[in-house]
C-alpha atoms as a PDB file:
ATOM      1  CA  MET A   1      72.312  91.001  81.350  1.00  0.00           C
ATOM      2  CA  VAL A   2      73.007  93.967  79.467  1.00  0.00           C
ATOM      3  CA  ASN A   3      74.228  93.943  75.968  1.00  0.00           C
ATOM      4  CA  VAL A   4      77.684  95.263  76.554  1.00  0.00           C
ATOM      5  CA  ALA A   5      78.531  95.230  72.874  1.00  0.00           C
ATOM      6  CA  LYS A   6      76.165  98.644  72.764  1.00  0.00           C
ATOM      7  CA  ASP A   7      78.943 100.296  74.340  1.00  0.00           C
ATOM      8  CA  PRO A   8      80.910 102.549  72.217  1.00  0.00           C
ATOM      9  CA  ARG A   9      83.643 101.319  73.963  1.00  0.00           C
ATOM     10  CA  VAL A  10      83.069  97.680  72.393  1.00  0.00           C
ATOM     11  CA  MET A  11      82.380  98.902  69.435  1.00  0.00           C
ATOM     12  CA  ASP A  12      85.784 101.017  69.196  1.00  0.00           C
ATOM     13  CA  LEU A  13      87.488  97.670  70.395  1.00  0.00           C
ATOM     14  CA  ILE A  14      85.484  95.417  67.940  1.00  0.00           C
ATOM     15  CA  GLN A  15      86.891  97.546  65.227  1.00  0.00           C
ATOM     16  CA  ARG A  16      90.134  98.245  66.285  1.00  0.00           C
ATOM     17  CA  ALA A  17      90.057  94.023  65.993  1.00  0.00           C
ATOM     18  CA  LEU A  18      88.983  93.814  62.939  1.00  0.00           C
ATOM     19  CA  ALA A  19      91.868  95.641  62.082  1.00  0.00           C
ATOM     20  CA  GLU A  20      94.976  94.377  63.754  1.00  0.00           C
ATOM     21  CA  ASP A  21      93.527  90.866  62.364  1.00  0.00           C
ATOM     22  CA  ILE A  22      92.166  91.485  58.348  1.00  0.00           C
ATOM     23  CA  GLY A  23      94.553  94.467  57.611  1.00  0.00           C
ATOM     24  CA  SER A  24      94.636  94.662  53.883  1.00  0.00           C
ATOM     25  CA  GLY A  25      92.405  91.932  53.514  1.00  0.00           C
ATOM     26  CA  ASP A  26      90.979  88.113  54.537  1.00  0.00           C
ATOM     27  CA  VAL A  27      93.960  86.844  51.911  1.00  0.00           C
ATOM     28  CA  THR A  28      92.305  82.564  52.226  1.00  0.00           C
ATOM     29  CA  SER A  29      89.227  83.625  51.833  1.00  0.00           C
ATOM     30  CA  LEU A  30      89.271  86.011  48.889  1.00  0.00           C
ATOM     31  CA  SER A  31      91.327  83.553  47.095  1.00  0.00           C
ATOM     32  CA  VAL A  32      89.148  79.621  47.639  1.00  0.00           C
ATOM     33  CA  VAL A  33      85.830  80.927  48.688  1.00  0.00           C
ATOM     34  CA  PRO A  34      83.435  82.328  45.729  1.00  0.00           C
ATOM     35  CA  GLU A  35      82.190  85.541  46.663  1.00  0.00           C
ATOM     36  CA  THR A  36      78.276  84.116  46.269  1.00  0.00           C
ATOM     37  CA  SER A  37      78.873  81.611  48.805  1.00  0.00           C
ATOM     38  CA  GLN A  38      76.435  81.206  51.303  1.00  0.00           C
ATOM     39  CA  GLY A  39      75.823  79.130  54.085  1.00  0.00           C
ATOM     40  CA  ARG A  40      75.287  78.431  57.932  1.00  0.00           C
ATOM     41  CA  ALA A  41      77.696  78.248  61.075  1.00  0.00           C
ATOM     42  CA  VAL A  42      77.198  77.342  64.771  1.00  0.00           C
ATOM     43  CA  ILE A  43      79.962  77.998  67.477  1.00  0.00           C
ATOM     44  CA  LEU A  44      80.103  75.153  69.865  1.00  0.00           C
ATOM     45  CA  SER A  45      81.178  75.112  73.099  1.00  0.00           C
ATOM     46  CA  ARG A  46      84.095  72.601  73.775  1.00  0.00           C
ATOM     47  CA  GLY A  47      83.137  71.732  77.260  1.00  0.00           C
ATOM     48  CA  ARG A  48      81.132  72.858  80.053  1.00  0.00           C
ATOM     49  CA  TYR A  49      81.326  76.880  81.139  1.00  0.00           C
ATOM     50  CA  VAL A  50      79.309  79.966  81.780  1.00  0.00           C
ATOM     51  CA  VAL A  51      78.705  81.969  78.575  1.00  0.00           C
ATOM     52  CA  ALA A  52      80.056  85.420  78.045  1.00  0.00           C
ATOM     53  CA  GLY A  53      80.323  87.574  74.999  1.00  0.00           C
ATOM     54  CA  VAL A  54      77.721  85.940  72.493  1.00  0.00           C
ATOM     55  CA  ASP A  55      76.388  89.622  72.200  1.00  0.00           C
ATOM     56  CA  VAL A  56      80.062  90.697  71.398  1.00  0.00           C
ATOM     57  CA  ALA A  57      80.594  88.322  68.692  1.00  0.00           C
ATOM     58  CA  ALA A  58      77.438  89.231  67.754  1.00  0.00           C
ATOM     59  CA  ALA A  59      78.739  92.535  67.035  1.00  0.00           C
ATOM     60  CA  VAL A  60      81.662  91.098  65.201  1.00  0.00           C
ATOM     61  CA  PHE A  61      79.668  89.357  62.533  1.00  0.00           C
ATOM     62  CA  ALA A  62      77.853  92.433  62.067  1.00  0.00           C
ATOM     63  CA  ALA A  63      80.481  94.632  61.735  1.00  0.00           C
ATOM     64  CA  VAL A  64      82.232  92.138  59.040  1.00  0.00           C
ATOM     65  CA  ASP A  65      78.633  92.222  57.089  1.00  0.00           C
ATOM     66  CA  PRO A  66      75.545  93.819  58.294  1.00  0.00           C
ATOM     67  CA  SER A  67      74.146  90.705  56.159  1.00  0.00           C
ATOM     68  CA  LEU A  68      75.335  88.119  58.290  1.00  0.00           C
ATOM     69  CA  LYS A  69      71.808  87.079  60.767  1.00  0.00           C
ATOM     70  CA  CYS A  70      73.190  85.810  64.125  1.00  0.00           C
ATOM     71  CA  GLN A  71      71.328  83.559  66.423  1.00  0.00           C
ATOM     72  CA  VAL A  72      72.066  83.348  70.158  1.00  0.00           C
ATOM     73  CA  LEU A  73      70.546  80.278  71.667  1.00  0.00           C
ATOM     74  CA  ILE A  74      72.117  80.586  75.375  1.00  0.00           C
ATOM     75  CA  SER A  75      72.579  83.494  76.809  1.00  0.00           C
ATOM     76  CA  ASP A  76      75.205  85.476  78.911  1.00  0.00           C
ATOM     77  CA  GLY A  77      75.578  84.502  82.354  1.00  0.00           C
ATOM     78  CA  SER A  78      74.381  80.559  81.231  1.00  0.00           C
ATOM     79  CA  PRO A  79      75.550  77.608  81.935  1.00  0.00           C
ATOM     80  CA  VAL A  80      76.497  75.758  78.606  1.00  0.00           C
ATOM     81  CA  ASN A  81      77.539  71.740  78.197  1.00  0.00           C
ATOM     82  CA  ALA A  82      80.160  69.969  75.617  1.00  0.00           C
ATOM     83  CA  ASP A  83      79.204  70.231  72.050  1.00  0.00           C
ATOM     84  CA  GLU A  84      76.290  72.326  72.561  1.00  0.00           C
ATOM     85  CA  VAL A  85      76.014  75.283  70.096  1.00  0.00           C
ATOM     86  CA  MET A  86      75.512  79.118  71.457  1.00  0.00           C
ATOM     87  CA  MET A  87      75.494  80.710  68.581  1.00  0.00           C
ATOM     88  CA  THR A  88      74.277  80.366  64.805  1.00  0.00           C
ATOM     89  CA  ILE A  89      75.369  82.277  62.066  1.00  0.00           C
ATOM     90  CA  GLU A  90      74.000  82.637  58.559  1.00  0.00           C
ATOM     91  CA  GLY A  91      74.756  84.319  55.276  1.00  0.00           C
ATOM     92  CA  PRO A  92      78.199  84.917  52.977  1.00  0.00           C
ATOM     93  CA  ILE A  93      80.614  82.143  53.894  1.00  0.00           C
ATOM     94  CA  ARG A  94      83.669  84.741  53.875  1.00  0.00           C
ATOM     95  CA  GLY A  95      81.878  87.092  55.910  1.00  0.00           C
ATOM     96  CA  ILE A  96      81.830  83.806  58.733  1.00  0.00           C
ATOM     97  CA  LEU A  97      85.014  83.623  58.378  1.00  0.00           C
ATOM     98  CA  THR A  98      86.963  86.803  58.721  1.00  0.00           C
ATOM     99  CA  GLY A  99      84.818  87.444  61.507  1.00  0.00           C
ATOM    100  CA  GLU A 100      85.836  83.950  63.147  1.00  0.00           C
ATOM    101  CA  ARG A 101      88.860  84.366  65.227  1.00  0.00           C
ATOM    102  CA  THR A 102      87.844  87.475  66.460  1.00  0.00           C
ATOM    103  CA  ALA A 103      84.495  86.335  67.479  1.00  0.00           C
ATOM    104  CA  LEU A 104      86.184  83.472  69.066  1.00  0.00           C
ATOM    105  CA  ASN A 105      89.063  85.671  71.266  1.00  0.00           C
ATOM    106  CA  PHE A 106      86.667  87.466  72.531  1.00  0.00           C
ATOM    107  CA  MET A 107      84.193  84.981  73.346  1.00  0.00           C
ATOM    108  CA  GLN A 108      86.583  82.998  75.089  1.00  0.00           C
ATOM    109  CA  ARG A 109      88.522  85.160  77.384  1.00  0.00           C
ATOM    110  CA  MET A 110      85.556  86.705  78.546  1.00  0.00           C
ATOM    111  CA  THR A 111      83.965  82.853  78.898  1.00  0.00           C
ATOM    112  CA  GLY A 112      86.840  82.064  80.941  1.00  0.00           C
ATOM    113  CA  ILE A 113      86.526  84.706  83.074  1.00  0.00           C
ATOM    114  CA  ALA A 114      82.811  84.319  83.620  1.00  0.00           C
ATOM    115  CA  SER A 115      83.470  80.740  84.462  1.00  0.00           C
ATOM    116  CA  ARG A 116      85.882  80.715  86.863  1.00  0.00           C
ATOM    117  CA  THR A 117      84.189  83.468  88.263  1.00  0.00           C
ATOM    118  CA  ARG A 118      81.741  80.853  89.102  1.00  0.00           C
ATOM    119  CA  GLU A 119      83.845  78.629  91.049  1.00  0.00           C
ATOM    120  CA  PHE A 120      84.775  81.675  93.542  1.00  0.00           C
ATOM    121  CA  VAL A 121      81.240  82.329  94.019  1.00  0.00           C
ATOM    122  CA  GLU A 122      79.341  78.551  93.995  1.00  0.00           C
ATOM    123  CA  ALA A 123      82.892  78.257  96.724  1.00  0.00           C
ATOM    124  CA  VAL A 124      81.547  81.548  99.345  1.00  0.00           C
ATOM    125  CA  LYS A 125      78.258  81.554  99.007  1.00  0.00           C
ATOM    126  CA  PRO A 126      77.085  79.285 102.078  1.00  0.00           C
ATOM    127  CA  HIS A 127      78.240  82.556 103.980  1.00  0.00           C
ATOM    128  CA  GLY A 128      76.980  85.369 101.565  1.00  0.00           C
ATOM    129  CA  THR A 129      80.524  87.351 100.804  1.00  0.00           C
ATOM    130  CA  LYS A 130      80.478  89.000  97.480  1.00  0.00           C
ATOM    131  CA  ILE A 131      83.639  88.233  95.067  1.00  0.00           C
ATOM    132  CA  LEU A 132      85.120  91.161  93.930  1.00  0.00           C
ATOM    133  CA  ASP A 133      87.100  91.950  90.737  1.00  0.00           C
ATOM    134  CA  THR A 134      90.582  94.419  90.608  1.00  0.00           C
ATOM    135  CA  ARG A 135      92.586  96.539  88.487  1.00  0.00           C
ATOM    136  CA  LYS A 136      94.527  93.524  87.032  1.00  0.00           C
ATOM    137  CA  THR A 137      92.312  93.915  83.966  1.00  0.00           C
ATOM    138  CA  THR A 138      93.812  93.277  80.371  1.00  0.00           C
ATOM    139  CA  PRO A 139      94.858  97.045  79.136  1.00  0.00           C
ATOM    140  CA  THR A 140      92.568  98.201  77.276  1.00  0.00           C
ATOM    141  CA  LEU A 141      89.876  95.082  77.535  1.00  0.00           C
ATOM    142  CA  ARG A 142      88.611  96.561  81.447  1.00  0.00           C
ATOM    143  CA  VAL A 143      84.792  97.223  80.043  1.00  0.00           C
ATOM    144  CA  LEU A 144      84.771  92.995  78.927  1.00  0.00           C
ATOM    145  CA  GLU A 145      86.733  91.372  81.291  1.00  0.00           C
ATOM    146  CA  LYS A 146      84.961  93.157  84.168  1.00  0.00           C
ATOM    147  CA  TYR A 147      81.540  92.734  82.408  1.00  0.00           C
ATOM    148  CA  ALA A 148      82.733  88.642  81.739  1.00  0.00           C
ATOM    149  CA  VAL A 149      82.725  88.632  86.454  1.00  0.00           C
ATOM    150  CA  THR A 150      79.562  90.171  86.133  1.00  0.00           C
ATOM    151  CA  CYS A 151      78.114  87.403  83.855  1.00  0.00           C
ATOM    152  CA  GLY A 152      79.818  84.573  86.612  1.00  0.00           C
ATOM    153  CA  GLY A 153      78.380  86.534  89.230  1.00  0.00           C
ATOM    154  CA  GLY A 154      80.567  88.488  91.168  1.00  0.00           C
ATOM    155  CA  THR A 155      80.946  91.932  91.833  1.00  0.00           C
ATOM    156  CA  ASN A 156      82.801  95.173  90.470  1.00  0.00           C
ATOM    157  CA  HIS A 157      84.823  96.865  92.000  1.00  0.00           C
ATOM    158  CA  ARG A 158      86.169 100.332  91.385  1.00  0.00           C
ATOM    159  CA  MET A 159      86.657 100.354  87.593  1.00  0.00           C
ATOM    160  CA  GLY A 160      89.372 102.696  87.120  1.00  0.00           C
ATOM    161  CA  LEU A 161      91.808 105.412  89.112  1.00  0.00           C
ATOM    162  CA  TYR A 162      88.587 107.972  88.888  1.00  0.00           C
ATOM    163  CA  ASP A 163      85.718 105.745  91.168  1.00  0.00           C
ATOM    164  CA  MET A 164      87.298 105.089  94.611  1.00  0.00           C
ATOM    165  CA  VAL A 165      89.647 106.440  97.062  1.00  0.00           C
ATOM    166  CA  LEU A 166      91.996 103.372  98.006  1.00  0.00           C
ATOM    167  CA  ILE A 167      94.347 104.574 100.227  1.00  0.00           C
ATOM    168  CA  LYS A 168      97.398 101.722  99.663  1.00  0.00           C
ATOM    169  CA  ASP A 169     100.606 101.090 101.476  1.00  0.00           C
ATOM    170  CA  ASN A 170     102.236 102.946  99.147  1.00  0.00           C
ATOM    171  CA  HIS A 171      99.982 106.095  99.464  1.00  0.00           C
ATOM    172  CA  ARG A 172     100.788 105.484 102.785  1.00  0.00           C
ATOM    173  CA  ARG A 173     104.235 105.361 103.000  1.00  0.00           C
ATOM    174  CA  LEU A 174     103.777 108.926 101.664  1.00  0.00           C
ATOM    175  CA  TRP A 175     101.577 110.399 103.461  1.00  0.00           C
ATOM    176  CA  GLN A 176     103.467 109.644 106.478  1.00  0.00           C
ATOM    177  CA  GLY A 177     106.236 111.190 104.633  1.00  0.00           C
ATOM    178  CA  ALA A 178     104.607 114.444 104.804  1.00  0.00           C
ATOM    179  CA  GLY A 179     105.164 113.995 108.928  1.00  0.00           C
ATOM    180  CA  ILE A 180     101.286 112.869 109.435  1.00  0.00           C
ATOM    181  CA  SER A 181     100.803 109.286 109.631  1.00  0.00           C
ATOM    182  CA  ASN A 182      97.419 108.446 111.553  1.00  0.00           C
ATOM    183  CA  LEU A 183      95.287 106.996 108.515  1.00  0.00           C
ATOM    184  CA  GLN A 184      92.429 108.542 109.648  1.00  0.00           C
ATOM    185  CA  GLY A 185      94.377 111.897 108.956  1.00  0.00           C
ATOM    186  CA  ALA A 186      94.591 110.313 105.329  1.00  0.00           C
ATOM    187  CA  VAL A 187      90.590 109.925 105.163  1.00  0.00           C
ATOM    188  CA  ALA A 188      89.772 113.066 106.457  1.00  0.00           C
ATOM    189  CA  ALA A 189      92.222 114.682 103.228  1.00  0.00           C
ATOM    190  CA  ALA A 190      90.712 112.367 101.043  1.00  0.00           C
ATOM    191  CA  ARG A 191      87.134 113.043 101.599  1.00  0.00           C
ATOM    192  CA  ALA A 192      87.749 116.956 101.836  1.00  0.00           C
ATOM    193  CA  LYS A 193      89.245 116.699  98.335  1.00  0.00           C
ATOM    194  CA  PHE A 194      86.694 114.398  96.515  1.00  0.00           C
ATOM    195  CA  PRO A 195      83.327 114.441  98.663  1.00  0.00           C
ATOM    196  CA  GLY A 196      80.969 111.913  97.594  1.00  0.00           C
ATOM    197  CA  VAL A 197      84.109 109.722  96.313  1.00  0.00           C
ATOM    198  CA  ALA A 198      83.827 106.215  98.649  1.00  0.00           C
ATOM    199  CA  VAL A 199      86.760 105.833 100.415  1.00  0.00           C
ATOM    200  CA  GLU A 200      89.143 102.718 101.316  1.00  0.00           C
ATOM    201  CA  VAL A 201      92.111 102.356 103.333  1.00  0.00           C
ATOM    202  CA  GLU A 202      94.114  99.033 102.694  1.00  0.00           C
ATOM    203  CA  VAL A 203      95.504  97.994 106.385  1.00  0.00           C
ATOM    204  CA  GLU A 204      97.356  95.354 107.406  1.00  0.00           C
ATOM    205  CA  SER A 205      98.017  95.006 111.085  1.00  0.00           C
ATOM    206  CA  GLU A 206      94.866  95.691 113.825  1.00  0.00           C
ATOM    207  CA  ALA A 207      96.433  99.019 115.004  1.00  0.00           C
ATOM    208  CA  GLU A 208      95.723 100.031 111.632  1.00  0.00           C
ATOM    209  CA  LEU A 209      92.426  98.737 112.149  1.00  0.00           C
ATOM    210  CA  CYS A 210      90.975 101.052 114.525  1.00  0.00           C
ATOM    211  CA  ASP A 211      92.863 103.657 113.474  1.00  0.00           C
ATOM    212  CA  ALA A 212      90.927 103.432 109.805  1.00  0.00           C
ATOM    213  CA  LEU A 213      87.924 102.990 111.994  1.00  0.00           C
ATOM    214  CA  ARG A 214      87.956 106.175 113.559  1.00  0.00           C
ATOM    215  CA  ALA A 215      87.564 107.679 109.472  1.00  0.00           C
ATOM    216  CA  SER A 216      84.747 105.507 109.243  1.00  0.00           C
ATOM    217  CA  PRO A 217      85.427 104.886 105.331  1.00  0.00           C
ATOM    218  CA  GLU A 218      83.195 103.244 103.331  1.00  0.00           C
ATOM    219  CA  TRP A 219      85.746 100.016 103.231  1.00  0.00           C
ATOM    220  CA  ILE A 220      88.859  98.862 104.715  1.00  0.00           C
ATOM    221  CA  MET A 221      90.391  96.181 103.089  1.00  0.00           C
ATOM    222  CA  LEU A 222      92.181  93.783 104.819  1.00  0.00           C
ATOM    223  CA  ASP A 223      95.843  92.859 103.052  1.00  0.00           C
ATOM    224  CA  ASN A 224      96.930  89.768 102.881  1.00  0.00           C
ATOM    225  CA  MET A 225      96.392  88.567 106.704  1.00  0.00           C
ATOM    226  CA  GLU A 226      95.597  84.908 108.129  1.00  0.00           C
ATOM    227  CA  PRO A 227      91.822  83.884 108.423  1.00  0.00           C
ATOM    228  CA  ALA A 228      92.484  83.388 112.329  1.00  0.00           C
ATOM    229  CA  ARG A 229      93.745  87.817 112.374  1.00  0.00           C
ATOM    230  CA  MET A 230      90.742  88.569 109.695  1.00  0.00           C
ATOM    231  CA  ARG A 231      88.188  86.844 112.302  1.00  0.00           C
ATOM    232  CA  GLU A 232      88.976  88.974 114.572  1.00  0.00           C
ATOM    233  CA  CYS A 233      89.604  91.551 112.678  1.00  0.00           C
ATOM    234  CA  VAL A 234      85.489  91.433 112.271  1.00  0.00           C
ATOM    235  CA  ALA A 235      85.318  91.145 116.209  1.00  0.00           C
ATOM    236  CA  ILE A 236      87.053  94.900 115.606  1.00  0.00           C
ATOM    237  CA  CYS A 237      85.125  96.025 113.300  1.00  0.00           C
ATOM    238  CA  ALA A 238      81.412  95.296 114.535  1.00  0.00           C
ATOM    239  CA  LYS A 239      79.926  96.243 110.895  1.00  0.00           C
ATOM    240  CA  ARG A 240      80.934  99.663 111.646  1.00  0.00           C
ATOM    241  CA  CYS A 241      82.306  99.127 107.848  1.00  0.00           C
ATOM    242  CA  LYS A 242      82.424  96.870 105.050  1.00  0.00           C
ATOM    243  CA  LEU A 243      85.778  94.977 104.884  1.00  0.00           C
ATOM    244  CA  GLU A 244      87.098  93.539 102.151  1.00  0.00           C
ATOM    245  CA  ALA A 245      89.907  90.683 102.260  1.00  0.00           C
ATOM    246  CA  SER A 246      92.633  90.661  99.760  1.00  0.00           C
ATOM    247  CA  GLY A 247      95.817  88.890  98.944  1.00  0.00           C
ATOM    248  CA  GLY A 248      96.413  86.074  97.628  1.00  0.00           C
ATOM    249  CA  VAL A 249      93.282  84.709  97.434  1.00  0.00           C
ATOM    250  CA  THR A 250      93.048  80.913  95.665  1.00  0.00           C
ATOM    251  CA  LEU A 251      89.874  78.644  95.123  1.00  0.00           C
ATOM    252  CA  SER A 252      91.201  76.492  97.665  1.00  0.00           C
ATOM    253  CA  SER A 253      91.558  78.939 100.110  1.00  0.00           C
ATOM    254  CA  VAL A 254      88.665  81.539  99.483  1.00  0.00           C
ATOM    255  CA  ALA A 255      85.335  79.410 101.436  1.00  0.00           C
ATOM    256  CA  ALA A 256      88.343  79.784 104.838  1.00  0.00           C
ATOM    257  CA  ILE A 257      88.292  83.356 104.243  1.00  0.00           C
ATOM    258  CA  ALA A 258      84.428  83.916 102.879  1.00  0.00           C
ATOM    259  CA  ALA A 259      83.677  81.887 107.058  1.00  0.00           C
ATOM    260  CA  THR A 260      85.261  84.787 109.153  1.00  0.00           C
ATOM    261  CA  GLY A 261      83.156  86.849 108.507  1.00  0.00           C
ATOM    262  CA  VAL A 262      84.278  89.808 105.929  1.00  0.00           C
ATOM    263  CA  ASP A 263      82.005  91.029 103.102  1.00  0.00           C
ATOM    264  CA  ALA A 264      83.839  90.582 100.237  1.00  0.00           C
ATOM    265  CA  ILE A 265      86.721  88.815  98.640  1.00  0.00           C
ATOM    266  CA  SER A 266      89.093  90.576  95.936  1.00  0.00           C
ATOM    267  CA  VAL A 267      90.212  88.011  93.422  1.00  0.00           C
ATOM    268  CA  GLY A 268      93.068  89.689  90.987  1.00  0.00           C
ATOM    269  CA  GLY A 269      93.102  85.809  89.164  1.00  0.00           C
ATOM    270  CA  LEU A 270      89.717  85.953  87.807  1.00  0.00           C
ATOM    271  CA  THR A 271      90.734  88.101  85.403  1.00  0.00           C
ATOM    272  CA  HIS A 272      93.966  88.092  85.304  1.00  0.00           C
ATOM    273  CA  SER A 273      94.964  84.078  84.930  1.00  0.00           C
ATOM    274  CA  ALA A 274      91.809  82.756  83.587  1.00  0.00           C
ATOM    275  CA  PRO A 275      91.957  80.258  81.838  1.00  0.00           C
ATOM    276  CA  ALA A 276      90.508  80.893  77.908  1.00  0.00           C
ATOM    277  CA  ALA A 277      87.582  78.372  77.504  1.00  0.00           C
ATOM    278  CA  ASP A 278      87.683  75.706  74.423  1.00  0.00           C
ATOM    279  CA  LEU A 279      84.978  77.552  71.477  1.00  0.00           C
ATOM    280  CA  SER A 280      85.052  76.678  68.020  1.00  0.00           C
ATOM    281  CA  LEU A 281      83.027  77.941  64.486  1.00  0.00           C
ATOM    282  CA  GLU A 282      81.620  75.173  62.445  1.00  0.00           C
ATOM    283  CA  LEU A 283      80.651  75.476  58.928  1.00  0.00           C
ATOM    284  CA  GLY A 284      77.593  73.392  57.757  1.00  0.00           C
END
């Protein structure tokens, strides 16, 4: 895995998170922990997860006190068992305690996303279907949350509004309001305006699928369709473009969707509903 903590956007997030938490100073540690106290701490997993965010946690401690030494024992993307040590931190106790909550907040959120993603990836593995994330991320944390999806074996869809055209229902209504109702024309307009940018079209029926296919978009999204209808769309498409299934996908339904033959399934819940992992920092 790449070291996401080296991304300037992540370093900025770390600095802002520490400023939010520390403010004018860690008054508890400054009050009761001697300045000269040195020690060692470990970050433990309290459950079985897929790890994400250890490099970010290490960067948090380095930002608090550069003299702190972190050793990553379980790297991002790897499984971890309950009561297993993921990282050690050695150096001034004040620095360890000051960075503790911010480091854990990042790791717990990211590990939770990676673990939830891995569940979906394993569920569709027999079909070779990709699991995609969405833009349903925590504002300002997208770079970390989408990285966590990749740690769990998922695939990043578009990062934002700038790197892919995705013509959805509201766009189609406005396009129709302009006096041209066909999806083929909408795709052509997008290609003319932004040549070289991939285009995806959301469709809700077989008729709309056929209309979109005439424009040869890179992707077509089958929105909120039952598996039987998805299977029909896969046959109609005949691999002329990639098909993405979307809408209300759950862990209990994802395997049946994958069995229809779609290329990918997008799951907003990877990022907007993943429970945080139970991790803790212990001195000693």
